[in-house]
N, C-alpha and C. Protein backbone atom coordinates (compact mmCIF):
# COMPACT_ATOMS: atom_id res chain seq x y z
N MET A 1 -2.02 -3.53 11.50
CA MET A 1 -1.06 -2.68 10.76
C MET A 1 -1.59 -1.55 10.23
N LYS A 2 -0.88 -0.61 10.38
CA LYS A 2 -1.47 0.95 9.90
C LYS A 2 -0.91 1.15 8.51
N LEU A 3 -1.91 1.47 7.66
CA LEU A 3 -1.72 1.69 6.35
C LEU A 3 -1.96 3.16 6.08
N VAL A 4 -1.13 3.83 5.40
CA VAL A 4 -1.22 5.32 5.20
C VAL A 4 -1.15 5.41 3.57
N TYR A 5 -2.16 6.30 3.11
CA TYR A 5 -2.32 6.49 1.72
C TYR A 5 -1.93 7.93 1.27
N PHE A 6 -1.14 8.38 0.32
CA PHE A 6 -0.70 9.74 -0.01
C PHE A 6 -1.28 10.04 -1.48
N ALA A 7 -1.49 11.42 -1.63
CA ALA A 7 -2.02 11.88 -2.95
C ALA A 7 -3.08 11.26 -3.52
N TRP A 8 -2.82 10.95 -4.92
CA TRP A 8 -4.08 10.34 -5.72
C TRP A 8 -4.37 9.07 -5.13
N VAL A 9 -3.47 8.23 -4.50
CA VAL A 9 -3.73 7.08 -3.82
C VAL A 9 -4.94 7.13 -2.82
N ARG A 10 -4.69 8.18 -2.03
CA ARG A 10 -5.55 8.57 -0.87
C ARG A 10 -6.86 8.98 -1.54
N GLU A 11 -6.85 9.79 -2.46
CA GLU A 11 -8.15 10.14 -3.39
C GLU A 11 -8.99 8.98 -3.84
N ARG A 12 -8.16 8.04 -4.46
CA ARG A 12 -8.96 6.91 -4.96
C ARG A 12 -9.52 6.09 -3.90
N ILE A 13 -8.85 5.78 -2.86
CA ILE A 13 -9.26 4.88 -1.83
C ILE A 13 -10.41 5.60 -1.00
N GLY A 14 -10.11 7.00 -0.84
CA GLY A 14 -11.15 7.56 -0.07
C GLY A 14 -10.87 7.91 1.60
N ARG A 15 -9.64 7.62 1.77
CA ARG A 15 -9.37 7.86 3.25
C ARG A 15 -7.76 7.89 3.24
N PRO A 16 -7.39 8.69 4.24
CA PRO A 16 -5.88 8.89 4.44
C PRO A 16 -4.95 7.76 4.96
N GLU A 17 -5.83 6.99 6.00
CA GLU A 17 -5.11 5.95 6.62
C GLU A 17 -6.31 4.83 7.07
N GLU A 18 -5.53 3.83 7.55
CA GLU A 18 -6.53 2.95 8.25
C GLU A 18 -5.82 1.88 9.04
N THR A 19 -6.34 1.07 9.84
CA THR A 19 -5.56 0.12 10.62
C THR A 19 -6.28 -1.26 10.36
N LEU A 20 -5.62 -2.15 9.83
CA LEU A 20 -6.25 -3.57 9.47
C LEU A 20 -5.32 -4.65 10.04
N ASP A 21 -6.17 -5.80 10.30
CA ASP A 21 -5.55 -6.87 10.66
C ASP A 21 -5.45 -7.66 9.46
N LEU A 22 -4.15 -8.07 9.02
CA LEU A 22 -3.94 -8.74 7.72
C LEU A 22 -3.98 -10.18 7.97
N PRO A 23 -4.53 -10.91 6.86
CA PRO A 23 -4.55 -12.36 7.02
C PRO A 23 -3.15 -12.87 7.00
N PRO A 24 -2.91 -14.12 7.56
CA PRO A 24 -1.50 -14.72 7.53
C PRO A 24 -0.71 -14.86 6.20
N GLU A 25 -1.60 -14.97 5.16
CA GLU A 25 -0.91 -15.16 3.89
C GLU A 25 -0.28 -13.89 3.30
N VAL A 26 -0.80 -12.90 3.82
CA VAL A 26 -0.11 -11.60 3.45
C VAL A 26 1.31 -11.37 4.17
N THR A 27 2.40 -11.57 3.38
CA THR A 27 3.72 -11.56 3.92
C THR A 27 4.65 -10.56 3.33
N THR A 28 4.44 -10.07 2.17
CA THR A 28 5.11 -9.13 1.47
C THR A 28 4.34 -7.90 0.93
N VAL A 29 4.90 -6.77 0.50
CA VAL A 29 4.20 -5.81 -0.01
C VAL A 29 3.53 -6.20 -1.21
N ALA A 30 3.95 -6.90 -2.02
CA ALA A 30 3.05 -7.45 -3.18
C ALA A 30 1.94 -8.16 -2.70
N ASP A 31 1.96 -8.99 -1.80
CA ASP A 31 0.81 -9.70 -1.23
C ASP A 31 0.02 -8.69 -0.66
N LEU A 32 0.20 -7.82 0.11
CA LEU A 32 -0.63 -6.64 0.72
C LEU A 32 -1.39 -5.96 -0.55
N VAL A 33 -0.62 -5.75 -1.45
CA VAL A 33 -1.35 -4.95 -2.58
C VAL A 33 -2.42 -5.90 -3.22
N THR A 34 -2.08 -7.09 -3.50
CA THR A 34 -2.98 -8.08 -4.18
C THR A 34 -4.32 -8.13 -3.29
N TRP A 35 -4.04 -8.24 -1.93
CA TRP A 35 -5.07 -8.35 -0.95
C TRP A 35 -5.99 -7.13 -0.98
N LEU A 36 -5.31 -5.94 -0.74
CA LEU A 36 -6.06 -4.75 -0.94
C LEU A 36 -7.01 -4.69 -2.10
N LYS A 37 -6.51 -4.90 -3.31
CA LYS A 37 -7.13 -4.88 -4.62
C LYS A 37 -8.53 -5.66 -4.48
N GLY A 38 -8.55 -6.69 -3.77
CA GLY A 38 -9.63 -7.50 -3.55
C GLY A 38 -10.73 -7.07 -2.50
N ARG A 39 -10.33 -5.91 -1.74
CA ARG A 39 -11.32 -5.43 -0.84
C ARG A 39 -12.34 -4.52 -1.30
N GLY A 40 -12.36 -4.17 -2.53
CA GLY A 40 -13.33 -3.26 -3.26
C GLY A 40 -12.82 -2.47 -4.52
N GLU A 41 -13.58 -1.91 -5.19
CA GLU A 41 -13.29 -1.24 -6.48
C GLU A 41 -12.49 -0.06 -6.18
N GLU A 42 -12.56 0.61 -5.10
CA GLU A 42 -11.78 1.94 -4.86
C GLU A 42 -10.37 1.48 -4.63
N TYR A 43 -10.05 0.31 -4.05
CA TYR A 43 -8.64 -0.28 -3.81
C TYR A 43 -8.11 -0.78 -5.20
N ALA A 44 -8.97 -1.44 -5.99
CA ALA A 44 -8.46 -2.05 -7.39
C ALA A 44 -8.31 -0.85 -8.10
N TYR A 45 -8.92 0.26 -7.99
CA TYR A 45 -8.58 1.38 -8.84
C TYR A 45 -7.36 2.12 -8.54
N ALA A 46 -7.03 2.21 -7.20
CA ALA A 46 -5.90 2.95 -6.74
C ALA A 46 -4.70 2.09 -7.10
N PHE A 47 -4.85 0.69 -7.23
CA PHE A 47 -3.67 -0.10 -7.46
C PHE A 47 -3.72 -0.77 -8.84
N GLU A 48 -4.60 -0.24 -9.75
CA GLU A 48 -4.86 -0.74 -11.24
C GLU A 48 -3.66 -1.15 -11.98
N THR A 49 -2.65 -0.24 -11.94
CA THR A 49 -1.48 -0.27 -12.76
C THR A 49 -0.31 -0.89 -11.94
N GLU A 50 0.02 -2.23 -12.18
CA GLU A 50 1.08 -2.85 -11.36
C GLU A 50 2.47 -1.93 -11.56
N GLY A 51 3.01 -1.78 -10.27
CA GLY A 51 4.44 -1.06 -10.28
C GLY A 51 4.53 0.45 -10.24
N VAL A 52 3.25 1.03 -10.37
CA VAL A 52 3.25 2.58 -10.30
C VAL A 52 3.14 3.07 -8.87
N VAL A 53 2.38 2.59 -8.05
CA VAL A 53 2.30 3.08 -6.78
C VAL A 53 3.57 2.51 -5.91
N ARG A 54 4.16 3.30 -5.21
CA ARG A 54 5.27 2.95 -4.38
C ARG A 54 4.91 2.70 -2.97
N ALA A 55 5.81 2.00 -2.26
CA ALA A 55 5.54 1.63 -0.89
C ALA A 55 6.71 1.96 0.08
N ALA A 56 6.33 2.41 1.23
CA ALA A 56 7.50 2.42 2.34
C ALA A 56 6.99 1.67 3.49
N VAL A 57 7.93 0.68 4.05
CA VAL A 57 7.69 -0.10 5.07
C VAL A 57 8.28 0.69 6.34
N ASP A 58 7.57 1.08 7.39
CA ASP A 58 8.21 1.71 8.56
C ASP A 58 9.20 2.88 8.04
N ARG A 59 8.60 3.61 7.12
CA ARG A 59 9.20 4.79 6.57
C ARG A 59 10.46 4.72 5.74
N VAL A 60 10.70 3.50 5.29
CA VAL A 60 11.84 3.11 4.28
C VAL A 60 11.32 2.45 3.17
N HIS A 61 11.82 3.12 2.02
CA HIS A 61 11.33 2.78 0.78
C HIS A 61 11.48 1.16 0.70
N ALA A 62 10.17 0.47 -0.10
CA ALA A 62 10.34 -0.83 -0.04
C ALA A 62 9.97 -1.37 -1.36
N LYS A 63 10.38 -2.64 -1.73
CA LYS A 63 10.18 -3.21 -3.00
C LYS A 63 9.13 -4.04 -2.77
N PRO A 64 8.35 -4.65 -3.87
CA PRO A 64 7.18 -5.62 -3.77
C PRO A 64 7.68 -6.92 -2.95
N GLU A 65 8.80 -7.17 -3.05
CA GLU A 65 9.09 -8.36 -2.33
C GLU A 65 9.68 -8.38 -0.75
N THR A 66 9.45 -7.03 -0.39
CA THR A 66 9.72 -6.72 1.04
C THR A 66 8.87 -7.40 2.03
N VAL A 67 9.42 -8.09 3.07
CA VAL A 67 8.70 -8.87 3.92
C VAL A 67 8.05 -7.90 4.93
N LEU A 68 6.91 -8.06 5.35
CA LEU A 68 6.14 -7.33 6.31
C LEU A 68 6.31 -7.71 7.76
N ALA A 69 6.82 -8.95 7.98
CA ALA A 69 7.04 -9.33 9.43
C ALA A 69 7.78 -8.25 10.19
N GLY A 70 7.05 -8.05 11.35
CA GLY A 70 7.47 -6.95 12.32
C GLY A 70 7.20 -5.53 12.08
N ALA A 71 6.59 -5.24 10.90
CA ALA A 71 6.40 -3.97 10.45
C ALA A 71 5.19 -3.31 11.21
N SER A 72 5.21 -2.05 11.36
CA SER A 72 3.99 -1.49 12.10
C SER A 72 3.11 -0.61 11.11
N GLU A 73 3.88 -0.19 10.19
CA GLU A 73 3.30 0.91 9.16
C GLU A 73 3.72 0.58 7.67
N VAL A 74 2.74 0.55 6.81
CA VAL A 74 2.88 0.58 5.42
C VAL A 74 2.36 1.79 4.78
N ALA A 75 3.16 2.63 4.05
CA ALA A 75 2.58 3.83 3.33
C ALA A 75 2.79 3.66 1.78
N PHE A 76 1.67 4.01 1.17
CA PHE A 76 1.57 3.96 -0.38
C PHE A 76 1.42 5.36 -0.83
N PHE A 77 2.27 5.62 -1.98
CA PHE A 77 2.25 7.01 -2.77
C PHE A 77 2.55 6.84 -4.16
N PRO A 78 2.18 7.73 -4.79
CA PRO A 78 2.44 7.74 -6.28
C PRO A 78 3.84 8.10 -6.52
N PRO A 79 4.41 7.94 -7.74
CA PRO A 79 5.87 8.40 -7.94
C PRO A 79 5.97 9.92 -7.91
N MET A 80 7.13 10.37 -7.42
CA MET A 80 7.18 11.72 -7.13
C MET A 80 8.06 12.36 -8.21
N THR A 81 7.84 13.65 -8.55
CA THR A 81 8.75 14.23 -9.47
C THR A 81 9.24 15.53 -8.65
N GLY A 82 10.42 15.93 -9.24
CA GLY A 82 11.17 17.06 -8.48
C GLY A 82 11.45 18.25 -9.49
N GLY A 83 11.82 19.38 -8.96
CA GLY A 83 12.02 20.46 -9.95
C GLY A 83 12.98 21.29 -9.35
């Protein structure tokens, strides 16, 4: 699965994107975040505050319970502000 990181999420992780084979137990966005946090301190730092980082699955905003089956891309980004 392709993972894409934007803004300070990208800066904390240290890369703009990566392609990973997810383990079978990772079935939702929340599972993916938990799994990523276990991959190293840069991921733990990026996702340290639950619910702050937003996700999009195949370019559609997603909730933590969104199922990943059949998805090809998950993007993570901080909350946006407008003006």
